[in-house]
């Protein structure tokens, strides 16, 4: 099965968030870890936030976290 880059980035983001549920994760952190464009990842995270899978917190000390447990997703 072939995945689009968008789907690949979405899955990588969700897996990273599932592994780090104890803290907020930044887009920059995920982009550097997986060598993904920060702009592309921002679009992915925005869509995840709109679908209510991810909670986004803006600001200097902001970040991302899963809205549900990994088992529920």
C-alpha atoms as a PDB file:
ATOM      1  CA  UNK A   1       0.000   0.000   0.000  1.00  0.00           C
ATOM      2  CA  UNK A   2       1.278   3.456  -0.875  1.00  0.00           C
ATOM      3  CA  UNK A   3       0.704   6.370   1.448  1.00  0.00           C
ATOM      4  CA  UNK A   4       0.734   9.997   0.462  1.00  0.00           C
ATOM      5  CA  UNK A   5       3.300  12.219   2.144  1.00  0.00           C
ATOM      6  CA  UNK A   6       0.442  13.924   3.999  1.00  0.00           C
ATOM      7  CA  UNK A   7      -0.783  10.608   5.440  1.00  0.00           C
ATOM      8  CA  UNK A   8       2.760   9.600   6.335  1.00  0.00           C
ATOM      9  CA  UNK A   9       3.306  12.858   8.231  1.00  0.00           C
ATOM     10  CA  UNK A  10      -0.032  12.439   9.996  1.00  0.00           C
ATOM     11  CA  UNK A  11       0.822   8.932  11.183  1.00  0.00           C
ATOM     12  CA  UNK A  12       4.310   9.955  12.291  1.00  0.00           C
ATOM     13  CA  UNK A  13       2.861  12.869  14.249  1.00  0.00           C
ATOM     14  CA  UNK A  14       0.244  10.724  15.972  1.00  0.00           C
ATOM     15  CA  UNK A  15       2.820   8.042  16.851  1.00  0.00           C
ATOM     16  CA  UNK A  16       5.215  10.626  18.288  1.00  0.00           C
ATOM     17  CA  UNK A  17       2.441  12.184  20.369  1.00  0.00           C
ATOM     18  CA  UNK A  18       1.394   8.747  21.620  1.00  0.00           C
ATOM     19  CA  UNK A  19       4.956   8.045  22.755  1.00  0.00           C
ATOM     20  CA  UNK A  20       5.176  11.375  24.634  1.00  0.00           C
ATOM     21  CA  UNK A  21       1.809  11.705  26.351  1.00  0.00           C
ATOM     22  CA  UNK A  22       3.391  13.037  29.521  1.00  0.00           C
ATOM     23  CA  UNK A  23       4.382  16.391  27.986  1.00  0.00           C
ATOM     24  CA  UNK A  24       3.615  18.887  25.238  1.00  0.00           C
ATOM     25  CA  UNK A  25       5.395  18.267  21.942  1.00  0.00           C
ATOM     26  CA  UNK A  26       6.275  21.048  19.494  1.00  0.00           C
ATOM     27  CA  UNK A  27       5.937  21.008  15.728  1.00  0.00           C
ATOM     28  CA  UNK A  28       9.612  21.937  15.506  1.00  0.00           C
ATOM     29  CA  UNK A  29      10.577  18.855  17.508  1.00  0.00           C
ATOM     30  CA  UNK A  30       8.651  16.495  15.229  1.00  0.00           C
ATOM     31  CA  UNK A  31       9.890  18.246  12.076  1.00  0.00           C
ATOM     32  CA  UNK A  32      13.531  17.901  13.128  1.00  0.00           C
ATOM     33  CA  UNK A  33      13.150  14.311  14.279  1.00  0.00           C
ATOM     34  CA  UNK A  34      11.605  13.095  11.014  1.00  0.00           C
ATOM     35  CA  UNK A  35      13.294  15.631   8.692  1.00  0.00           C
ATOM     36  CA  UNK A  36       9.960  17.079   7.587  1.00  0.00           C
ATOM     37  CA  UNK A  37       9.267  20.622   6.445  1.00  0.00           C
ATOM     38  CA  UNK A  38       7.844  22.617   9.346  1.00  0.00           C
ATOM     39  CA  UNK A  39       5.347  24.299   7.000  1.00  0.00           C
ATOM     40  CA  UNK A  40       3.987  20.965   5.769  1.00  0.00           C
ATOM     41  CA  UNK A  41       3.754  19.650   9.315  1.00  0.00           C
ATOM     42  CA  UNK A  42       1.868  22.768  10.402  1.00  0.00           C
ATOM     43  CA  UNK A  43      -0.854  21.955   7.854  1.00  0.00           C
ATOM     44  CA  UNK A  44      -1.043  18.376   9.126  1.00  0.00           C
ATOM     45  CA  UNK A  45      -1.315  19.497  12.751  1.00  0.00           C
ATOM     46  CA  UNK A  46      -3.970  22.053  11.872  1.00  0.00           C
ATOM     47  CA  UNK A  47      -6.098  19.318  10.278  1.00  0.00           C
ATOM     48  CA  UNK A  48      -5.563  17.017  13.281  1.00  0.00           C
ATOM     49  CA  UNK A  49      -6.703  19.838  15.545  1.00  0.00           C
ATOM     50  CA  UNK A  50      -9.804  20.415  13.437  1.00  0.00           C
ATOM     51  CA  UNK A  51     -10.661  16.700  13.598  1.00  0.00           C
ATOM     52  CA  UNK A  52     -10.382  16.848  17.414  1.00  0.00           C
ATOM     53  CA  UNK A  53      -7.663  14.179  17.617  1.00  0.00           C
ATOM     54  CA  UNK A  54      -5.050  16.634  18.865  1.00  0.00           C
ATOM     55  CA  UNK A  55      -5.221  19.540  21.266  1.00  0.00           C
ATOM     56  CA  UNK A  56      -3.076  22.485  20.210  1.00  0.00           C
ATOM     57  CA  UNK A  57      -1.865  25.066  22.681  1.00  0.00           C
ATOM     58  CA  UNK A  58      -0.544  28.302  21.251  1.00  0.00           C
ATOM     59  CA  UNK A  59       2.145  30.521  22.626  1.00  0.00           C
ATOM     60  CA  UNK A  60       5.712  30.322  23.803  1.00  0.00           C
ATOM     61  CA  UNK A  61       5.186  27.351  26.098  1.00  0.00           C
ATOM     62  CA  UNK A  62       2.589  25.741  23.827  1.00  0.00           C
ATOM     63  CA  UNK A  63       2.620  22.519  21.889  1.00  0.00           C
ATOM     64  CA  UNK A  64       0.540  19.502  20.983  1.00  0.00           C
ATOM     65  CA  UNK A  65      -0.952  16.604  22.851  1.00  0.00           C
ATOM     66  CA  UNK A  66      -3.363  13.820  22.006  1.00  0.00           C
ATOM     67  CA  UNK A  67      -6.979  14.508  22.817  1.00  0.00           C
ATOM     68  CA  UNK A  68      -7.708  10.788  23.255  1.00  0.00           C
ATOM     69  CA  UNK A  69      -5.750   7.799  24.403  1.00  0.00           C
ATOM     70  CA  UNK A  70      -3.851   5.969  21.646  1.00  0.00           C
ATOM     71  CA  UNK A  71      -6.136   2.966  22.161  1.00  0.00           C
ATOM     72  CA  UNK A  72      -9.220   5.111  21.388  1.00  0.00           C
ATOM     73  CA  UNK A  73      -7.678   6.405  18.170  1.00  0.00           C
END
